[in-house]
């Protein structure tokens, strides 16, 4: 699925393919969501996503682009298998 990430997606929970929450979208710019990882974000998922070079407020962020997204609902972004 080709999803369009917009500022309306800020604050949404990000779920992996098992529907486990792995983080929250903190910002969206030009079709890229910047996700603050939760404790459930595995090292395997982190290794497949690009890490933000600048750490914001001491928290790392990861980039999720539209190619990573399977579905966007009113309160969640569900990822494809990475």
PDB file of N, CA and C in Angstrom:
ATOM      1  N   UNK A   1       0.841  -1.181   0.000  1.00  0.00           N
ATOM      2  CA  UNK A   1       0.000   0.000   0.000  1.00  0.00           C
ATOM      3  C   UNK A   1       0.883   1.239   0.000  1.00  0.00           C
ATOM      4  N   UNK A   2       0.489   2.216  -0.738  1.00  0.00           N
ATOM      5  CA  UNK A   2       1.202   3.487  -0.738  1.00  0.00           C
ATOM      6  C   UNK A   2       0.420   4.452   0.144  1.00  0.00           C
ATOM      7  N   UNK A   3       0.973   4.762   1.295  1.00  0.00           N
ATOM      8  CA  UNK A   3       0.308   5.656   2.237  1.00  0.00           C
ATOM      9  C   UNK A   3       0.941   7.030   2.150  1.00  0.00           C
ATOM     10  N   UNK A   4       0.151   8.039   2.421  1.00  0.00           N
ATOM     11  CA  UNK A   4       0.656   9.400   2.431  1.00  0.00           C
ATOM     12  C   UNK A   4       0.767   9.882   3.865  1.00  0.00           C
ATOM     13  N   UNK A   5       1.991  10.049   4.342  1.00  0.00           N
ATOM     14  CA  UNK A   5       2.223  10.545   5.688  1.00  0.00           C
ATOM     15  C   UNK A   5       2.125  12.064   5.690  1.00  0.00           C
ATOM     16  N   UNK A   6       1.340  12.599   6.619  1.00  0.00           N
ATOM     17  CA  UNK A   6       1.141  14.045   6.717  1.00  0.00           C
ATOM     18  C   UNK A   6       1.244  14.477   8.177  1.00  0.00           C
ATOM     19  N   UNK A   7       1.193  15.782   8.408  1.00  0.00           N
ATOM     20  CA  UNK A   7       1.236  16.296   9.780  1.00  0.00           C
ATOM     21  C   UNK A   7       0.054  15.795  10.599  1.00  0.00           C
ATOM     22  N   UNK A   8      -1.018  15.379   9.950  1.00  0.00           N
ATOM     23  CA  UNK A   8      -2.164  14.816  10.671  1.00  0.00           C
ATOM     24  C   UNK A   8      -1.799  13.505  11.369  1.00  0.00           C
ATOM     25  N   UNK A   9      -0.690  12.883  10.985  1.00  0.00           N
ATOM     26  CA  UNK A   9      -0.267  11.624  11.579  1.00  0.00           C
ATOM     27  C   UNK A   9       0.594  11.809  12.827  1.00  0.00           C
ATOM     28  N   UNK A  10       0.959  13.044  13.144  1.00  0.00           N
ATOM     29  CA  UNK A  10       1.757  13.299  14.332  1.00  0.00           C
ATOM     30  C   UNK A  10       0.969  12.881  15.577  1.00  0.00           C
ATOM     31  N   UNK A  11       1.640  12.182  16.483  1.00  0.00           N
ATOM     32  CA  UNK A  11       1.013  11.706  17.707  1.00  0.00           C
ATOM     33  C   UNK A  11       0.428  10.306  17.600  1.00  0.00           C
ATOM     34  N   UNK A  12       0.393   9.762  16.397  1.00  0.00           N
ATOM     35  CA  UNK A  12      -0.160   8.415  16.224  1.00  0.00           C
ATOM     36  C   UNK A  12       0.823   7.352  16.694  1.00  0.00           C
ATOM     37  N   UNK A  13       0.256   6.258  17.190  1.00  0.00           N
ATOM     38  CA  UNK A  13       1.065   5.116  17.586  1.00  0.00           C
ATOM     39  C   UNK A  13       1.529   4.384  16.334  1.00  0.00           C
ATOM     40  N   UNK A  14       2.739   3.842  16.376  1.00  0.00           N
ATOM     41  CA  UNK A  14       3.281   3.057  15.272  1.00  0.00           C
ATOM     42  C   UNK A  14       3.306   1.598  15.721  1.00  0.00           C
ATOM     43  N   UNK A  15       2.695   0.733  14.898  1.00  0.00           N
ATOM     44  CA  UNK A  15       2.591  -0.684  15.232  1.00  0.00           C
ATOM     45  C   UNK A  15       3.382  -1.531  14.242  1.00  0.00           C
ATOM     46  N   UNK A  16       3.989  -2.608  14.746  1.00  0.00           N
ATOM     47  CA  UNK A  16       4.673  -3.535  13.861  1.00  0.00           C
ATOM     48  C   UNK A  16       3.657  -4.502  13.251  1.00  0.00           C
ATOM     49  N   UNK A  17       4.118  -5.492  12.524  1.00  0.00           N
ATOM     50  CA  UNK A  17       3.202  -6.417  11.847  1.00  0.00           C
ATOM     51  C   UNK A  17       2.429  -7.304  12.818  1.00  0.00           C
ATOM     52  N   UNK A  18       2.893  -7.384  14.067  1.00  0.00           N
ATOM     53  CA  UNK A  18       2.176  -8.143  15.100  1.00  0.00           C
ATOM     54  C   UNK A  18       1.223  -7.266  15.894  1.00  0.00           C
ATOM     55  N   UNK A  19       1.037  -6.034  15.440  1.00  0.00           N
ATOM     56  CA  UNK A  19       0.166  -5.046  16.091  1.00  0.00           C
ATOM     57  C   UNK A  19       0.664  -4.637  17.475  1.00  0.00           C
ATOM     58  N   UNK A  20       1.976  -4.743  17.674  1.00  0.00           N
ATOM     59  CA  UNK A  20       2.582  -4.288  18.927  1.00  0.00           C
ATOM     60  C   UNK A  20       3.091  -2.867  18.718  1.00  0.00           C
ATOM     61  N   UNK A  21       2.793  -1.990  19.658  1.00  0.00           N
ATOM     62  CA  UNK A  21       3.238  -0.606  19.546  1.00  0.00           C
ATOM     63  C   UNK A  21       4.751  -0.543  19.697  1.00  0.00           C
ATOM     64  N   UNK A  22       5.395   0.115  18.732  1.00  0.00           N
ATOM     65  CA  UNK A  22       6.849   0.224  18.782  1.00  0.00           C
ATOM     66  C   UNK A  22       7.330   1.662  18.918  1.00  0.00           C
ATOM     67  N   UNK A  23       6.408   2.616  18.842  1.00  0.00           N
ATOM     68  CA  UNK A  23       6.788   4.008  18.974  1.00  0.00           C
ATOM     69  C   UNK A  23       5.635   4.939  18.675  1.00  0.00           C
ATOM     70  N   UNK A  24       5.958   6.248  18.671  1.00  0.00           N
ATOM     71  CA  UNK A  24       4.970   7.291  18.425  1.00  0.00           C
ATOM     72  C   UNK A  24       5.558   8.299  17.443  1.00  0.00           C
ATOM     73  N   UNK A  25       4.742   8.732  16.486  1.00  0.00           N
ATOM     74  CA  UNK A  25       5.188   9.738  15.512  1.00  0.00           C
ATOM     75  C   UNK A  25       5.264  11.089  16.204  1.00  0.00           C
ATOM     76  N   UNK A  26       6.433  11.700  16.177  1.00  0.00           N
ATOM     77  CA  UNK A  26       6.629  13.012  16.789  1.00  0.00           C
ATOM     78  C   UNK A  26       6.560  14.148  15.775  1.00  0.00           C
ATOM     79  N   UNK A  27       6.900  13.844  14.512  1.00  0.00           N
ATOM     80  CA  UNK A  27       6.931  14.898  13.504  1.00  0.00           C
ATOM     81  C   UNK A  27       6.830  14.239  12.133  1.00  0.00           C
ATOM     82  N   UNK A  28       6.248  14.951  11.179  1.00  0.00           N
ATOM     83  CA  UNK A  28       6.205  14.480   9.790  1.00  0.00           C
ATOM     84  C   UNK A  28       6.617  15.637   8.894  1.00  0.00           C
ATOM     85  N   UNK A  29       7.575  15.358   8.011  1.00  0.00           N
ATOM     86  CA  UNK A  29       8.032  16.354   7.043  1.00  0.00           C
ATOM     87  C   UNK A  29       8.268  15.662   5.713  1.00  0.00           C
ATOM     88  N   UNK A  30       7.675  16.187   4.666  1.00  0.00           N
ATOM     89  CA  UNK A  30       7.898  15.712   3.298  1.00  0.00           C
ATOM     90  C   UNK A  30       7.740  14.193   3.159  1.00  0.00           C
ATOM     91  N   UNK A  31       6.687  13.646   3.771  1.00  0.00           N
ATOM     92  CA  UNK A  31       6.404  12.221   3.629  1.00  0.00           C
ATOM     93  C   UNK A  31       7.253  11.304   4.474  1.00  0.00           C
ATOM     94  N   UNK A  32       8.005  11.873   5.415  1.00  0.00           N
ATOM     95  CA  UNK A  32       8.820  11.075   6.330  1.00  0.00           C
ATOM     96  C   UNK A  32       8.345  11.337   7.752  1.00  0.00           C
ATOM     97  N   UNK A  33       8.040  10.240   8.476  1.00  0.00           N
ATOM     98  CA  UNK A  33       7.630  10.349   9.870  1.00  0.00           C
ATOM     99  C   UNK A  33       8.849  10.117  10.752  1.00  0.00           C
ATOM    100  N   UNK A  34       9.004  10.962  11.746  1.00  0.00           N
ATOM    101  CA  UNK A  34      10.072  10.829  12.723  1.00  0.00           C
ATOM    102  C   UNK A  34       9.451  10.201  13.965  1.00  0.00           C
ATOM    103  N   UNK A  35       9.896   8.987  14.270  1.00  0.00           N
ATOM    104  CA  UNK A  35       9.271   8.171  15.307  1.00  0.00           C
ATOM    105  C   UNK A  35      10.173   8.083  16.529  1.00  0.00           C
ATOM    106  N   UNK A  36       9.595   8.400  17.684  1.00  0.00           N
ATOM    107  CA  UNK A  36      10.284   8.185  18.950  1.00  0.00           C
ATOM    108  C   UNK A  36      10.030   6.737  19.335  1.00  0.00           C
ATOM    109  N   UNK A  37      11.078   5.922  19.437  1.00  0.00           N
ATOM    110  CA  UNK A  37      10.869   4.500  19.702  1.00  0.00           C
ATOM    111  C   UNK A  37      10.404   4.249  21.124  1.00  0.00           C
ATOM    112  N   UNK A  38       9.555   3.253  21.260  1.00  0.00           N
ATOM    113  CA  UNK A  38       9.153   2.774  22.567  1.00  0.00           C
ATOM    114  C   UNK A  38      10.046   1.616  22.956  1.00  0.00           C
ATOM    115  N   UNK A  39       9.913   1.134  24.184  1.00  0.00           N
ATOM    116  CA  UNK A  39      10.766   0.026  24.634  1.00  0.00           C
ATOM    117  C   UNK A  39      10.538  -1.255  23.838  1.00  0.00           C
ATOM    118  N   UNK A  40       9.408  -1.351  23.140  1.00  0.00           N
ATOM    119  CA  UNK A  40       9.096  -2.550  22.376  1.00  0.00           C
ATOM    120  C   UNK A  40       9.747  -2.564  20.992  1.00  0.00           C
ATOM    121  N   UNK A  41      10.368  -1.447  20.583  1.00  0.00           N
ATOM    122  CA  UNK A  41      11.007  -1.430  19.269  1.00  0.00           C
ATOM    123  C   UNK A  41      12.266  -2.292  19.333  1.00  0.00           C
ATOM    124  N   UNK A  42      12.231  -3.377  18.603  1.00  0.00           N
ATOM    125  CA  UNK A  42      13.344  -4.333  18.647  1.00  0.00           C
ATOM    126  C   UNK A  42      14.566  -3.797  17.910  1.00  0.00           C
ATOM    127  N   UNK A  43      15.697  -4.368  18.238  1.00  0.00           N
ATOM    128  CA  UNK A  43      16.932  -4.007  17.543  1.00  0.00           C
ATOM    129  C   UNK A  43      16.836  -4.349  16.060  1.00  0.00           C
ATOM    130  N   UNK A  44      16.092  -5.417  15.730  1.00  0.00           N
ATOM    131  CA  UNK A  44      15.926  -5.809  14.326  1.00  0.00           C
ATOM    132  C   UNK A  44      15.199  -4.718  13.550  1.00  0.00           C
ATOM    133  N   UNK A  45      14.165  -4.150  14.131  1.00  0.00           N
ATOM    134  CA  UNK A  45      13.433  -3.067  13.457  1.00  0.00           C
ATOM    135  C   UNK A  45      14.316  -1.832  13.385  1.00  0.00           C
ATOM    136  N   UNK A  46      14.990  -1.496  14.477  1.00  0.00           N
ATOM    137  CA  UNK A  46      15.873  -0.324  14.487  1.00  0.00           C
ATOM    138  C   UNK A  46      16.930  -0.435  13.395  1.00  0.00           C
ATOM    139  N   UNK A  47      17.451  -1.643  13.176  1.00  0.00           N
ATOM    140  CA  UNK A  47      18.513  -1.814  12.183  1.00  0.00           C
ATOM    141  C   UNK A  47      18.003  -1.605  10.757  1.00  0.00           C
ATOM    142  N   UNK A  48      16.697  -1.724  10.548  1.00  0.00           N
ATOM    143  CA  UNK A  48      16.134  -1.563   9.209  1.00  0.00           C
ATOM    144  C   UNK A  48      15.647  -0.142   8.933  1.00  0.00           C
ATOM    145  N   UNK A  49      15.591   0.677   9.970  1.00  0.00           N
ATOM    146  CA  UNK A  49      15.151   2.056   9.815  1.00  0.00           C
ATOM    147  C   UNK A  49      16.340   2.988   9.958  1.00  0.00           C
ATOM    148  N   UNK A  50      16.248   4.137   9.319  1.00  0.00           N
ATOM    149  CA  UNK A  50      17.323   5.122   9.430  1.00  0.00           C
ATOM    150  C   UNK A  50      17.143   5.909  10.717  1.00  0.00           C
ATOM    151  N   UNK A  51      18.209   5.993  11.484  1.00  0.00           N
ATOM    152  CA  UNK A  51      18.169   6.738  12.737  1.00  0.00           C
ATOM    153  C   UNK A  51      18.451   8.202  12.456  1.00  0.00           C
ATOM    154  N   UNK A  52      17.707   9.070  13.125  1.00  0.00           N
ATOM    155  CA  UNK A  52      17.910  10.504  12.996  1.00  0.00           C
ATOM    156  C   UNK A  52      19.291  10.852  13.536  1.00  0.00           C
ATOM    157  N   UNK A  53      20.029  11.609  12.799  1.00  0.00           N
ATOM    158  CA  UNK A  53      21.385  11.978  13.214  1.00  0.00           C
ATOM    159  C   UNK A  53      21.370  12.940  14.396  1.00  0.00           C
ATOM    160  N   UNK A  54      20.329  13.763  14.497  1.00  0.00           N
ATOM    161  CA  UNK A  54      20.233  14.702  15.603  1.00  0.00           C
ATOM    162  C   UNK A  54      19.295  14.125  16.657  1.00  0.00           C
ATOM    163  N   UNK A  55      19.768  14.032  17.858  1.00  0.00           N
ATOM    164  CA  UNK A  55      18.959  13.527  18.955  1.00  0.00           C
ATOM    165  C   UNK A  55      18.189  14.707  19.544  1.00  0.00           C
ATOM    166  N   UNK A  56      16.869  14.589  19.593  1.00  0.00           N
ATOM    167  CA  UNK A  56      16.018  15.666  20.077  1.00  0.00           C
ATOM    168  C   UNK A  56      15.683  15.431  21.546  1.00  0.00           C
ATOM    169  N   UNK A  57      15.987  16.395  22.380  1.00  0.00           N
ATOM    170  CA  UNK A  57      15.677  16.305  23.811  1.00  0.00           C
ATOM    171  C   UNK A  57      16.167  15.001  24.427  1.00  0.00           C
ATOM    172  N   UNK A  58      17.312  14.509  23.974  1.00  0.00           N
ATOM    173  CA  UNK A  58      17.875  13.298  24.518  1.00  0.00           C
ATOM    174  C   UNK A  58      17.225  12.018  24.034  1.00  0.00           C
ATOM    175  N   UNK A  59      16.248  12.119  23.144  1.00  0.00           N
ATOM    176  CA  UNK A  59      15.545  10.933  22.631  1.00  0.00           C
ATOM    177  C   UNK A  59      15.940  10.695  21.183  1.00  0.00           C
ATOM    178  N   UNK A  60      16.290   9.469  20.871  1.00  0.00           N
ATOM    179  CA  UNK A  60      16.584   9.141  19.488  1.00  0.00           C
ATOM    180  C   UNK A  60      15.274   9.032  18.709  1.00  0.00           C
ATOM    181  N   UNK A  61      15.359   9.253  17.415  1.00  0.00           N
ATOM    182  CA  UNK A  61      14.205   9.126  16.540  1.00  0.00           C
ATOM    183  C   UNK A  61      14.609   8.320  15.318  1.00  0.00           C
ATOM    184  N   UNK A  62      13.646   7.643  14.732  1.00  0.00           N
ATOM    185  CA  UNK A  62      13.869   6.854  13.532  1.00  0.00           C
ATOM    186  C   UNK A  62      12.951   7.340  12.436  1.00  0.00           C
ATOM    187  N   UNK A  63      13.423   7.256  11.203  1.00  0.00           N
ATOM    188  CA  UNK A  63      12.651   7.692  10.047  1.00  0.00           C
ATOM    189  C   UNK A  63      11.809   6.539   9.533  1.00  0.00           C
ATOM    190  N   UNK A  64      10.552   6.811   9.289  1.00  0.00           N
ATOM    191  CA  UNK A  64       9.682   5.867   8.593  1.00  0.00           C
ATOM    192  C   UNK A  64       9.155   6.594   7.377  1.00  0.00           C
ATOM    193  N   UNK A  65       9.401   6.030   6.204  1.00  0.00           N
ATOM    194  CA  UNK A  65       8.867   6.673   5.010  1.00  0.00           C
ATOM    195  C   UNK A  65       7.632   5.914   4.539  1.00  0.00           C
ATOM    196  N   UNK A  66       6.999   6.437   3.530  1.00  0.00           N
ATOM    197  CA  UNK A  66       5.730   5.892   3.061  1.00  0.00           C
ATOM    198  C   UNK A  66       5.849   4.451   2.576  1.00  0.00           C
ATOM    199  N   UNK A  67       7.029   4.032   2.139  1.00  0.00           N
ATOM    200  CA  UNK A  67       7.229   2.658   1.677  1.00  0.00           C
ATOM    201  C   UNK A  67       7.162   1.650   2.827  1.00  0.00           C
ATOM    202  N   UNK A  68       7.379   2.101   4.072  1.00  0.00           N
ATOM    203  CA  UNK A  68       7.326   1.222   5.235  1.00  0.00           C
ATOM    204  C   UNK A  68       5.905   0.968   5.722  1.00  0.00           C
ATOM    205  N   UNK A  69       4.947   1.787   5.274  1.00  0.00           N
ATOM    206  CA  UNK A  69       3.602   1.788   5.849  1.00  0.00           C
ATOM    207  C   UNK A  69       2.669   0.839   5.103  1.00  0.00           C
ATOM    208  N   UNK A  70       1.955   0.032   5.885  1.00  0.00           N
ATOM    209  CA  UNK A  70       0.925  -0.849   5.337  1.00  0.00           C
ATOM    210  C   UNK A  70      -0.429  -0.155   5.375  1.00  0.00           C
ATOM    211  N   UNK A  71      -0.737   0.501   6.516  1.00  0.00           N
ATOM    212  CA  UNK A  71      -2.048   1.123   6.672  1.00  0.00           C
ATOM    213  C   UNK A  71      -1.975   2.256   7.683  1.00  0.00           C
ATOM    214  N   UNK A  72      -2.750   3.303   7.431  1.00  0.00           N
ATOM    215  CA  UNK A  72      -2.887   4.409   8.372  1.00  0.00           C
ATOM    216  C   UNK A  72      -4.350   4.486   8.769  1.00  0.00           C
ATOM    217  N   UNK A  73      -4.594   4.465  10.095  1.00  0.00           N
ATOM    218  CA  UNK A  73      -5.952   4.607  10.605  1.00  0.00           C
ATOM    219  C   UNK A  73      -6.047   5.947  11.328  1.00  0.00           C
ATOM    220  N   UNK A  74      -7.161   6.175  11.980  1.00  0.00           N
ATOM    221  CA  UNK A  74      -7.342   7.435  12.698  1.00  0.00           C
ATOM    222  C   UNK A  74      -6.352   7.622  13.842  1.00  0.00           C
ATOM    223  N   UNK A  75      -5.870   6.518  14.427  1.00  0.00           N
ATOM    224  CA  UNK A  75      -4.968   6.653  15.572  1.00  0.00           C
ATOM    225  C   UNK A  75      -3.716   5.785  15.519  1.00  0.00           C
ATOM    226  N   UNK A  76      -3.501   5.096  14.397  1.00  0.00           N
ATOM    227  CA  UNK A  76      -2.340   4.198  14.282  1.00  0.00           C
ATOM    228  C   UNK A  76      -1.733   4.234  12.893  1.00  0.00           C
ATOM    229  N   UNK A  77      -0.448   3.918  12.860  1.00  0.00           N
ATOM    230  CA  UNK A  77       0.257   3.650  11.603  1.00  0.00           C
ATOM    231  C   UNK A  77       0.783   2.230  11.723  1.00  0.00           C
ATOM    232  N   UNK A  78       0.338   1.382  10.813  1.00  0.00           N
ATOM    233  CA  UNK A  78       0.737  -0.022  10.831  1.00  0.00           C
ATOM    234  C   UNK A  78       1.809  -0.238   9.772  1.00  0.00           C
ATOM    235  N   UNK A  79       2.912  -0.821  10.184  1.00  0.00           N
ATOM    236  CA  UNK A  79       4.038  -1.026   9.278  1.00  0.00           C
ATOM    237  C   UNK A  79       3.912  -2.331   8.519  1.00  0.00           C
ATOM    238  N   UNK A  80       4.533  -2.337   7.337  1.00  0.00           N
ATOM    239  CA  UNK A  80       4.701  -3.581   6.576  1.00  0.00           C
ATOM    240  C   UNK A  80       5.839  -4.356   7.226  1.00  0.00           C
ATOM    241  N   UNK A  81       5.965  -5.592   6.820  1.00  0.00           N
ATOM    242  CA  UNK A  81       7.112  -6.374   7.289  1.00  0.00           C
ATOM    243  C   UNK A  81       8.371  -5.715   6.749  1.00  0.00           C
ATOM    244  N   UNK A  82       9.291  -5.434   7.639  1.00  0.00           N
ATOM    245  CA  UNK A  82      10.528  -4.746   7.257  1.00  0.00           C
ATOM    246  C   UNK A  82      11.618  -5.747   6.939  1.00  0.00           C
TER     247      UNK A  82
END
